[in-house]
Amino acid sequence: MRDYEFRTNSQFLRPHFSGAVRALIIINIAVFFIQLLFRGEINSMFGLVPLLVVKKYYIWQLFTYMFLHGGFFHLFFNMFVLWMFGSELESIWGRNEFLKYYFITGIGAGIVYVIAKHNSIIPTIGASGAIYGLLLAFGLTFPNRYVYLYFFLPIKAKFLVLIFGVIEFIAAFSGSRDNIAHIAHLGGLLVGFLYLRFLKGKARRWRRLIFVEKKEKDIDVEIDDTDFEDKVNDVLRKLSKVGLNGLTPYEKNILEEARKKYKGSK
């Protein structure tokens, strides 16, 4: 991925260093240092080797390959994009939904790559499949948000996704030998689109039905105290962007619980 940042209303936006994003970055950095010690063995066993997945059933590689990287800049740019775009998405979706989407796109990209390269014995590593999935989600969620390529060239997020998609498509089917898994990148975009288009919407409708039933039965929302403040902060960030009417019944109940909790603590 290329380095970029974005801003709104002439103010640079500094995304909140959210919990799931922070944990993923720390894990990726820790694994990278382990790679420096055991590069060959680590990449062969935990990188994505399509032939081993198909013939030897090394299914775990569909998950573990996302935490390995081919060098410092490979790691840096992936983690930079994860922070810039992932933090924004996590603040809106919540930690669990964000992590689910991240791993669905990352594993999905790996599956697409294995199908396309089922006879390959070359390990593929990197979180780029999931990163491209995040880029797609950001472009669909904030299509008119300006992104500054190279900190200079402004472009709307929806056009950025389109440009990257075209570049990856051309590179994937042009016989490019740049040692980049372009098909995995396309897989992340494809799986992300299918999930957001067909699955996430259904899950949202199901949750709305549950919330309506809870409201009718006057059932209180149970909130775990261990992450109560994180939930409140996430809702407040969303509230500042979409207003009270844009919150779900569950999020409104979180605010009400917070009001009661903090009022009672005075």
C-alpha atoms as a PDB file:
ATOM      1  CA  MET A   1       0.000   0.000   0.000  1.00  0.00           C
ATOM      2  CA  ARG A   2       1.038   3.593  -0.536  1.00  0.00           C
ATOM      3  CA  ASP A   3       1.421   6.105   2.223  1.00  0.00           C
ATOM      4  CA  TYR A   4      -1.363   8.641   2.606  1.00  0.00           C
ATOM      5  CA  GLU A   5      -3.415  10.551   5.122  1.00  0.00           C
ATOM      6  CA  PHE A   6      -6.761  12.287   4.982  1.00  0.00           C
ATOM      7  CA  ARG A   7      -8.446  15.344   6.423  1.00  0.00           C
ATOM      8  CA  THR A   8     -11.902  16.918   6.610  1.00  0.00           C
ATOM      9  CA  ASN A   9     -12.870  20.602   6.683  1.00  0.00           C
ATOM     10  CA  SER A  10      -9.199  21.600   6.372  1.00  0.00           C
ATOM     11  CA  GLN A  11      -8.381  19.808   9.627  1.00  0.00           C
ATOM     12  CA  PHE A  12      -6.186  16.738   9.581  1.00  0.00           C
ATOM     13  CA  LEU A  13      -8.013  13.794  11.104  1.00  0.00           C
ATOM     14  CA  ARG A  14      -5.994  11.806  13.617  1.00  0.00           C
ATOM     15  CA  PRO A  15      -7.806   8.494  14.107  1.00  0.00           C
ATOM     16  CA  HIS A  16      -8.256   7.157  17.601  1.00  0.00           C
ATOM     17  CA  PHE A  17      -5.725   4.406  18.299  1.00  0.00           C
ATOM     18  CA  SER A  18      -8.503   1.930  19.009  1.00  0.00           C
ATOM     19  CA  GLY A  19      -8.240  -1.312  20.937  1.00  0.00           C
ATOM     20  CA  ALA A  20      -8.479  -3.932  18.184  1.00  0.00           C
ATOM     21  CA  VAL A  21      -6.281  -1.965  15.787  1.00  0.00           C
ATOM     22  CA  ARG A  22      -3.686  -1.407  18.513  1.00  0.00           C
ATOM     23  CA  ALA A  23      -3.648  -5.125  19.364  1.00  0.00           C
ATOM     24  CA  LEU A  24      -3.274  -6.153  15.712  1.00  0.00           C
ATOM     25  CA  ILE A  25      -0.379  -3.746  15.178  1.00  0.00           C
ATOM     26  CA  ILE A  26       1.425  -4.950  18.310  1.00  0.00           C
ATOM     27  CA  ILE A  27       0.986  -8.602  17.314  1.00  0.00           C
ATOM     28  CA  ASN A  28       2.229  -7.971  13.762  1.00  0.00           C
ATOM     29  CA  ILE A  29       5.310  -6.137  15.037  1.00  0.00           C
ATOM     30  CA  ALA A  30       6.065  -8.891  17.562  1.00  0.00           C
ATOM     31  CA  VAL A  31       5.746 -11.576  14.887  1.00  0.00           C
ATOM     32  CA  PHE A  32       8.024  -9.586  12.581  1.00  0.00           C
ATOM     33  CA  PHE A  33      10.830  -9.708  15.157  1.00  0.00           C
ATOM     34  CA  ILE A  34      10.305 -13.456  15.479  1.00  0.00           C
ATOM     35  CA  GLN A  35      10.625 -13.683  11.693  1.00  0.00           C
ATOM     36  CA  LEU A  36      13.985 -11.980  11.846  1.00  0.00           C
ATOM     37  CA  LEU A  37      15.215 -14.856  13.981  1.00  0.00           C
ATOM     38  CA  PHE A  38      13.577 -17.777  12.155  1.00  0.00           C
ATOM     39  CA  ARG A  39      12.738 -16.347   8.709  1.00  0.00           C
ATOM     40  CA  GLY A  40      12.952 -19.481   6.553  1.00  0.00           C
ATOM     41  CA  GLU A  41      11.219 -21.854   8.949  1.00  0.00           C
ATOM     42  CA  ILE A  42       8.509 -19.367   9.917  1.00  0.00           C
ATOM     43  CA  ASN A  43       7.596 -18.468   6.342  1.00  0.00           C
ATOM     44  CA  SER A  44       7.449 -22.066   5.160  1.00  0.00           C
ATOM     45  CA  MET A  45       5.342 -23.284   8.051  1.00  0.00           C
ATOM     46  CA  PHE A  46       3.073 -20.300   8.673  1.00  0.00           C
ATOM     47  CA  GLY A  47       3.134 -18.436   5.359  1.00  0.00           C
ATOM     48  CA  LEU A  48       0.447 -19.340   2.814  1.00  0.00           C
ATOM     49  CA  VAL A  49       1.713 -22.158   0.574  1.00  0.00           C
ATOM     50  CA  PRO A  50      -1.213 -23.135  -1.687  1.00  0.00           C
ATOM     51  CA  LEU A  51       0.040 -26.647  -2.463  1.00  0.00           C
ATOM     52  CA  LEU A  52       0.459 -27.434   1.249  1.00  0.00           C
ATOM     53  CA  VAL A  53      -3.051 -26.169   1.988  1.00  0.00           C
ATOM     54  CA  VAL A  54      -4.534 -28.304  -0.804  1.00  0.00           C
ATOM     55  CA  LYS A  55      -2.426 -31.461  -0.460  1.00  0.00           C
ATOM     56  CA  LYS A  56      -1.321 -31.449   3.189  1.00  0.00           C
ATOM     57  CA  TYR A  57      -4.301 -29.607   4.700  1.00  0.00           C
ATOM     58  CA  TYR A  58      -2.204 -26.858   6.301  1.00  0.00           C
ATOM     59  CA  ILE A  59      -5.435 -24.961   6.900  1.00  0.00           C
ATOM     60  CA  TRP A  60      -3.935 -22.785   9.651  1.00  0.00           C
ATOM     61  CA  GLN A  61      -1.847 -21.005   7.013  1.00  0.00           C
ATOM     62  CA  LEU A  62      -4.995 -19.208   5.799  1.00  0.00           C
ATOM     63  CA  PHE A  63      -4.943 -17.404   9.144  1.00  0.00           C
ATOM     64  CA  THR A  64      -1.278 -17.183  10.111  1.00  0.00           C
ATOM     65  CA  TYR A  65       0.007 -15.757   6.814  1.00  0.00           C
ATOM     66  CA  MET A  66      -1.665 -12.433   7.663  1.00  0.00           C
ATOM     67  CA  PHE A  67       0.771 -11.825  10.533  1.00  0.00           C
ATOM     68  CA  LEU A  68       3.976 -12.331   8.520  1.00  0.00           C
ATOM     69  CA  HIS A  69       5.687  -9.657   6.412  1.00  0.00           C
ATOM     70  CA  GLY A  70       8.492  -9.564   3.894  1.00  0.00           C
ATOM     71  CA  GLY A  71      10.379  -6.590   5.285  1.00  0.00           C
ATOM     72  CA  PHE A  72      10.199  -3.412   7.317  1.00  0.00           C
ATOM     73  CA  PHE A  73       8.461  -1.285   4.671  1.00  0.00           C
ATOM     74  CA  HIS A  74       5.973  -4.047   3.890  1.00  0.00           C
ATOM     75  CA  LEU A  75       5.076  -4.135   7.573  1.00  0.00           C
ATOM     76  CA  PHE A  76       5.143  -0.355   8.003  1.00  0.00           C
ATOM     77  CA  PHE A  77       2.771   0.511   5.148  1.00  0.00           C
ATOM     78  CA  ASN A  78       0.297  -2.226   6.057  1.00  0.00           C
ATOM     79  CA  MET A  79       0.220  -1.146   9.699  1.00  0.00           C
ATOM     80  CA  PHE A  80       0.010   2.518   8.705  1.00  0.00           C
ATOM     81  CA  VAL A  81      -3.073   1.864   6.580  1.00  0.00           C
ATOM     82  CA  LEU A  82      -4.538  -0.373   9.285  1.00  0.00           C
ATOM     83  CA  TRP A  83      -4.231   2.497  11.765  1.00  0.00           C
ATOM     84  CA  MET A  84      -5.480   5.246   9.449  1.00  0.00           C
ATOM     85  CA  PHE A  85      -8.529   3.428   8.089  1.00  0.00           C
ATOM     86  CA  GLY A  86      -9.076   0.629  10.586  1.00  0.00           C
ATOM     87  CA  SER A  87      -9.371   2.927  13.599  1.00  0.00           C
ATOM     88  CA  GLU A  88     -12.116   4.907  11.887  1.00  0.00           C
ATOM     89  CA  LEU A  89     -14.060   1.777  10.989  1.00  0.00           C
ATOM     90  CA  GLU A  90     -13.665   0.251  14.451  1.00  0.00           C
ATOM     91  CA  SER A  91     -15.018   3.420  16.067  1.00  0.00           C
ATOM     92  CA  ILE A  92     -18.206   3.041  14.015  1.00  0.00           C
ATOM     93  CA  TRP A  93     -18.648  -0.722  13.864  1.00  0.00           C
ATOM     94  CA  GLY A  94     -17.335  -1.655  17.277  1.00  0.00           C
ATOM     95  CA  ARG A  95     -14.454  -3.955  18.133  1.00  0.00           C
ATOM     96  CA  ASN A  96     -16.127  -7.315  17.486  1.00  0.00           C
ATOM     97  CA  GLU A  97     -17.617  -6.400  14.113  1.00  0.00           C
ATOM     98  CA  PHE A  98     -14.329  -4.838  13.019  1.00  0.00           C
ATOM     99  CA  LEU A  99     -12.284  -7.912  13.936  1.00  0.00           C
ATOM    100  CA  LYS A 100     -14.795 -10.189  12.247  1.00  0.00           C
ATOM    101  CA  TYR A 101     -14.573  -8.211   9.028  1.00  0.00           C
ATOM    102  CA  TYR A 102     -10.767  -8.011   9.195  1.00  0.00           C
ATOM    103  CA  PHE A 103     -10.332 -11.762   9.488  1.00  0.00           C
ATOM    104  CA  ILE A 104     -13.094 -12.601   7.012  1.00  0.00           C
ATOM    105  CA  THR A 105     -11.397 -10.494   4.347  1.00  0.00           C
ATOM    106  CA  GLY A 106      -7.906 -11.701   5.246  1.00  0.00           C
ATOM    107  CA  ILE A 107      -8.839 -15.397   5.277  1.00  0.00           C
ATOM    108  CA  GLY A 108     -11.098 -14.913   2.263  1.00  0.00           C
ATOM    109  CA  ALA A 109      -8.238 -13.342   0.321  1.00  0.00           C
ATOM    110  CA  GLY A 110      -6.109 -16.360   1.228  1.00  0.00           C
ATOM    111  CA  ILE A 111      -8.778 -18.774  -0.023  1.00  0.00           C
ATOM    112  CA  VAL A 112      -9.060 -16.906  -3.314  1.00  0.00           C
ATOM    113  CA  TYR A 113      -5.272 -17.047  -3.683  1.00  0.00           C
ATOM    114  CA  VAL A 114      -5.141 -20.782  -2.947  1.00  0.00           C
ATOM    115  CA  ILE A 115      -7.852 -21.467  -5.541  1.00  0.00           C
ATOM    116  CA  ALA A 116      -6.011 -19.421  -8.166  1.00  0.00           C
ATOM    117  CA  LYS A 117      -2.514 -20.736  -7.335  1.00  0.00           C
ATOM    118  CA  HIS A 118      -3.292 -24.228  -6.025  1.00  0.00           C
ATOM    119  CA  ASN A 119      -0.058 -25.746  -7.399  1.00  0.00           C
ATOM    120  CA  SER A 120       2.269 -23.037  -6.076  1.00  0.00           C
ATOM    121  CA  ILE A 121       4.926 -23.921  -3.504  1.00  0.00           C
ATOM    122  CA  ILE A 122       5.989 -20.295  -2.931  1.00  0.00           C
ATOM    123  CA  PRO A 123       4.925 -18.883   0.466  1.00  0.00           C
ATOM    124  CA  THR A 124       2.750 -15.784   0.389  1.00  0.00           C
ATOM    125  CA  ILE A 125       2.818 -13.506   3.434  1.00  0.00           C
ATOM    126  CA  GLY A 126       1.324 -10.227   4.540  1.00  0.00           C
ATOM    127  CA  ALA A 127      -1.851  -8.599   5.837  1.00  0.00           C
ATOM    128  CA  SER A 128      -2.532  -6.861   2.519  1.00  0.00           C
ATOM    129  CA  GLY A 129      -5.615  -8.959   1.717  1.00  0.00           C
ATOM    130  CA  ALA A 130      -7.309  -7.730   4.890  1.00  0.00           C
ATOM    131  CA  ILE A 131      -5.890  -4.227   4.367  1.00  0.00           C
ATOM    132  CA  TYR A 132      -7.478  -4.008   0.923  1.00  0.00           C
ATOM    133  CA  GLY A 133     -10.717  -5.181   2.518  1.00  0.00           C
ATOM    134  CA  LEU A 134     -10.485  -2.288   4.993  1.00  0.00           C
ATOM    135  CA  LEU A 135      -9.748   0.144   2.188  1.00  0.00           C
ATOM    136  CA  LEU A 136     -12.880  -1.008   0.371  1.00  0.00           C
ATOM    137  CA  ALA A 137     -15.000  -0.678   3.523  1.00  0.00           C
ATOM    138  CA  PHE A 138     -13.682   2.821   4.143  1.00  0.00           C
ATOM    139  CA  GLY A 139     -14.384   3.830   0.540  1.00  0.00           C
ATOM    140  CA  LEU A 140     -17.956   2.544   0.775  1.00  0.00           C
ATOM    141  CA  THR A 141     -18.548   4.070   4.220  1.00  0.00           C
ATOM    142  CA  PHE A 142     -16.962   7.453   3.469  1.00  0.00           C
ATOM    143  CA  PRO A 143     -17.072   7.662  -0.354  1.00  0.00           C
ATOM    144  CA  ASN A 144     -16.585  11.427  -0.485  1.00  0.00           C
ATOM    145  CA  ARG A 145     -13.901  11.666   2.204  1.00  0.00           C
ATOM    146  CA  TYR A 146     -10.739  13.107   0.714  1.00  0.00           C
ATOM    147  CA  VAL A 147      -7.587  11.037   0.995  1.00  0.00           C
ATOM    148  CA  TYR A 148      -4.207  12.687   0.415  1.00  0.00           C
ATOM    149  CA  LEU A 149      -1.874  10.443  -1.555  1.00  0.00           C
ATOM    150  CA  TYR A 150       1.756  11.087  -0.677  1.00  0.00           C
ATOM    151  CA  PHE A 151       0.447  13.799   1.696  1.00  0.00           C
ATOM    152  CA  PHE A 152      -0.149  15.988  -1.359  1.00  0.00           C
ATOM    153  CA  LEU A 153      -2.611  14.719  -3.994  1.00  0.00           C
ATOM    154  CA  PRO A 154      -6.282  14.890  -2.847  1.00  0.00           C
ATOM    155  CA  ILE A 155      -8.639  12.185  -4.078  1.00  0.00           C
ATOM    156  CA  LYS A 156     -12.007  10.940  -2.868  1.00  0.00           C
ATOM    157  CA  ALA A 157     -11.943   7.579  -1.102  1.00  0.00           C
ATOM    158  CA  LYS A 158     -14.333   5.968  -3.598  1.00  0.00           C
ATOM    159  CA  PHE A 159     -12.027   6.841  -6.481  1.00  0.00           C
ATOM    160  CA  LEU A 160      -8.986   5.654  -4.545  1.00  0.00           C
ATOM    161  CA  VAL A 161     -10.588   2.223  -4.118  1.00  0.00           C
ATOM    162  CA  LEU A 162     -11.480   2.114  -7.808  1.00  0.00           C
ATOM    163  CA  ILE A 163      -7.943   3.047  -8.867  1.00  0.00           C
ATOM    164  CA  PHE A 164      -6.321   0.456  -6.597  1.00  0.00           C
ATOM    165  CA  GLY A 165      -8.801  -2.168  -7.776  1.00  0.00           C
ATOM    166  CA  VAL A 166      -7.991  -1.496 -11.447  1.00  0.00           C
ATOM    167  CA  ILE A 167      -4.249  -1.520 -10.759  1.00  0.00           C
ATOM    168  CA  GLU A 168      -4.460  -4.845  -8.939  1.00  0.00           C
ATOM    169  CA  PHE A 169      -6.659  -6.376 -11.647  1.00  0.00           C
ATOM    170  CA  ILE A 170      -4.266  -5.368 -14.423  1.00  0.00           C
ATOM    171  CA  ALA A 171      -1.224  -6.549 -12.440  1.00  0.00           C
ATOM    172  CA  ALA A 172      -2.860  -9.863 -11.534  1.00  0.00           C
ATOM    173  CA  PHE A 173      -3.704 -10.821 -15.131  1.00  0.00           C
ATOM    174  CA  SER A 174      -0.808  -9.262 -17.004  1.00  0.00           C
ATOM    175  CA  GLY A 175       1.770 -11.836 -15.968  1.00  0.00           C
ATOM    176  CA  SER A 176       3.569  -9.407 -13.663  1.00  0.00           C
ATOM    177  CA  ARG A 177       6.616 -10.883 -11.902  1.00  0.00           C
ATOM    178  CA  ASP A 178       6.985  -8.328  -9.119  1.00  0.00           C
ATOM    179  CA  ASN A 179       6.609 -10.944  -6.344  1.00  0.00           C
ATOM    180  CA  ILE A 180       3.400  -9.291  -5.098  1.00  0.00           C
ATOM    181  CA  ALA A 181       0.282 -11.395  -4.516  1.00  0.00           C
ATOM    182  CA  HIS A 182      -2.079  -9.225  -6.560  1.00  0.00           C
ATOM    183  CA  ILE A 183      -4.711 -11.963  -6.642  1.00  0.00           C
ATOM    184  CA  ALA A 184      -4.802 -11.950  -2.833  1.00  0.00           C
ATOM    185  CA  HIS A 185      -5.341  -8.184  -2.915  1.00  0.00           C
ATOM    186  CA  LEU A 186      -8.217  -8.644  -5.353  1.00  0.00           C
ATOM    187  CA  GLY A 187      -9.523 -11.406  -3.105  1.00  0.00           C
ATOM    188  CA  GLY A 188      -9.630  -9.015  -0.157  1.00  0.00           C
ATOM    189  CA  LEU A 189     -11.596  -6.495  -2.217  1.00  0.00           C
ATOM    190  CA  LEU A 190     -13.983  -9.145  -3.543  1.00  0.00           C
ATOM    191  CA  VAL A 191     -14.661 -10.847  -0.222  1.00  0.00           C
ATOM    192  CA  GLY A 192     -15.064  -7.484   1.501  1.00  0.00           C
ATOM    193  CA  PHE A 193     -17.606  -6.356  -1.079  1.00  0.00           C
ATOM    194  CA  LEU A 194     -19.600  -9.593  -0.879  1.00  0.00           C
ATOM    195  CA  TYR A 195     -19.663  -9.479   2.905  1.00  0.00           C
ATOM    196  CA  LEU A 196     -20.717  -5.825   3.117  1.00  0.00           C
ATOM    197  CA  ARG A 197     -23.273  -6.219   0.333  1.00  0.00           C
ATOM    198  CA  PHE A 198     -24.949  -9.474   1.327  1.00  0.00           C
ATOM    199  CA  LEU A 199     -24.063 -10.491   4.902  1.00  0.00           C
ATOM    200  CA  LYS A 200     -23.445  -7.417   7.031  1.00  0.00           C
ATOM    201  CA  GLY A 201     -26.757  -5.859   5.968  1.00  0.00           C
ATOM    202  CA  LYS A 202     -28.693  -8.988   6.940  1.00  0.00           C
ATOM    203  CA  ALA A 203     -26.948  -9.147  10.311  1.00  0.00           C
ATOM    204  CA  ARG A 204     -27.903  -5.501  10.884  1.00  0.00           C
ATOM    205  CA  ARG A 205     -31.570  -6.209  10.109  1.00  0.00           C
ATOM    206  CA  TRP A 206     -31.570  -9.202  12.448  1.00  0.00           C
ATOM    207  CA  ARG A 207     -30.113  -7.066  15.231  1.00  0.00           C
ATOM    208  CA  ARG A 208     -32.784  -4.432  14.665  1.00  0.00           C
ATOM    209  CA  LEU A 209     -35.493  -7.056  15.093  1.00  0.00           C
ATOM    210  CA  ILE A 210     -33.888  -8.196  18.350  1.00  0.00           C
ATOM    211  CA  PHE A 211     -33.632  -4.600  19.597  1.00  0.00           C
ATOM    212  CA  VAL A 212     -37.319  -4.009  18.820  1.00  0.00           C
ATOM    213  CA  GLU A 213     -38.274  -7.112  20.780  1.00  0.00           C
ATOM    214  CA  LYS A 214     -36.093  -6.006  23.692  1.00  0.00           C
ATOM    215  CA  LYS A 215     -37.663  -2.574  23.658  1.00  0.00           C
ATOM    216  CA  GLU A 216     -41.167  -4.017  23.633  1.00  0.00           C
ATOM    217  CA  LYS A 217     -40.328  -6.297  26.550  1.00  0.00           C
ATOM    218  CA  ASP A 218     -38.495  -3.474  28.366  1.00  0.00           C
ATOM    219  CA  ILE A 219     -35.340  -5.555  28.719  1.00  0.00           C
ATOM    220  CA  ASP A 220     -32.293  -3.646  29.952  1.00  0.00           C
ATOM    221  CA  VAL A 221     -29.031  -3.820  28.082  1.00  0.00           C
ATOM    222  CA  GLU A 222     -26.331  -5.751  29.906  1.00  0.00           C
ATOM    223  CA  ILE A 223     -22.909  -4.169  29.608  1.00  0.00           C
ATOM    224  CA  ASP A 224     -19.677  -5.730  30.788  1.00  0.00           C
ATOM    225  CA  ASP A 225     -17.911  -3.252  33.089  1.00  0.00           C
ATOM    226  CA  THR A 226     -14.529  -4.296  31.712  1.00  0.00           C
ATOM    227  CA  ASP A 227     -15.158  -2.580  28.382  1.00  0.00           C
ATOM    228  CA  PHE A 228     -17.986  -0.230  29.369  1.00  0.00           C
ATOM    229  CA  GLU A 229     -15.943   2.937  28.822  1.00  0.00           C
ATOM    230  CA  ASP A 230     -14.787   1.734  25.401  1.00  0.00           C
ATOM    231  CA  LYS A 231     -18.398   1.178  24.369  1.00  0.00           C
ATOM    232  CA  VAL A 232     -19.428   4.618  25.635  1.00  0.00           C
ATOM    233  CA  ASN A 233     -16.536   6.301  23.804  1.00  0.00           C
ATOM    234  CA  ASP A 234     -17.404   4.495  20.576  1.00  0.00           C
ATOM    235  CA  VAL A 235     -21.035   5.606  20.833  1.00  0.00           C
ATOM    236  CA  LEU A 236     -20.050   9.205  21.616  1.00  0.00           C
ATOM    237  CA  ARG A 237     -17.799   9.319  18.553  1.00  0.00           C
ATOM    238  CA  LYS A 238     -20.622   8.030  16.395  1.00  0.00           C
ATOM    239  CA  LEU A 239     -23.053  10.468  18.034  1.00  0.00           C
ATOM    240  CA  SER A 240     -20.855  13.418  17.052  1.00  0.00           C
ATOM    241  CA  LYS A 241     -20.984  12.298  13.414  1.00  0.00           C
ATOM    242  CA  VAL A 242     -24.553  11.093  12.853  1.00  0.00           C
ATOM    243  CA  GLY A 243     -26.556  12.680  15.678  1.00  0.00           C
ATOM    244  CA  LEU A 244     -28.921  11.003  18.121  1.00  0.00           C
ATOM    245  CA  ASN A 245     -31.298   9.811  15.410  1.00  0.00           C
ATOM    246  CA  GLY A 246     -28.451   7.932  13.745  1.00  0.00           C
ATOM    247  CA  LEU A 247     -27.853   5.710  16.786  1.00  0.00           C
ATOM    248  CA  THR A 248     -29.330   2.241  17.125  1.00  0.00           C
ATOM    249  CA  PRO A 249     -31.608   1.436  20.100  1.00  0.00           C
ATOM    250  CA  TYR A 250     -28.733  -0.533  21.624  1.00  0.00           C
ATOM    251  CA  GLU A 251     -26.378   2.464  21.374  1.00  0.00           C
ATOM    252  CA  LYS A 252     -29.013   4.755  22.866  1.00  0.00           C
ATOM    253  CA  ASN A 253     -29.376   2.332  25.787  1.00  0.00           C
ATOM    254  CA  ILE A 254     -25.610   2.448  26.293  1.00  0.00           C
ATOM    255  CA  LEU A 255     -25.799   6.241  26.620  1.00  0.00           C
ATOM    256  CA  GLU A 256     -28.669   5.917  29.072  1.00  0.00           C
ATOM    257  CA  GLU A 257     -26.733   3.367  31.130  1.00  0.00           C
ATOM    258  CA  ALA A 258     -23.723   5.688  31.101  1.00  0.00           C
ATOM    259  CA  ARG A 259     -25.876   8.626  32.256  1.00  0.00           C
ATOM    260  CA  LYS A 260     -27.231   6.589  35.169  1.00  0.00           C
ATOM    261  CA  LYS A 261     -23.809   5.189  36.050  1.00  0.00           C
ATOM    262  CA  TYR A 262     -21.949   8.504  36.052  1.00  0.00           C
ATOM    263  CA  LYS A 263     -24.805  10.367  37.731  1.00  0.00           C
ATOM    264  CA  GLY A 264     -24.866   7.808  40.521  1.00  0.00           C
ATOM    265  CA  SER A 265     -21.102   8.055  41.037  1.00  0.00           C
ATOM    266  CA  LYS A 266     -21.191  11.750  41.868  1.00  0.00           C
END
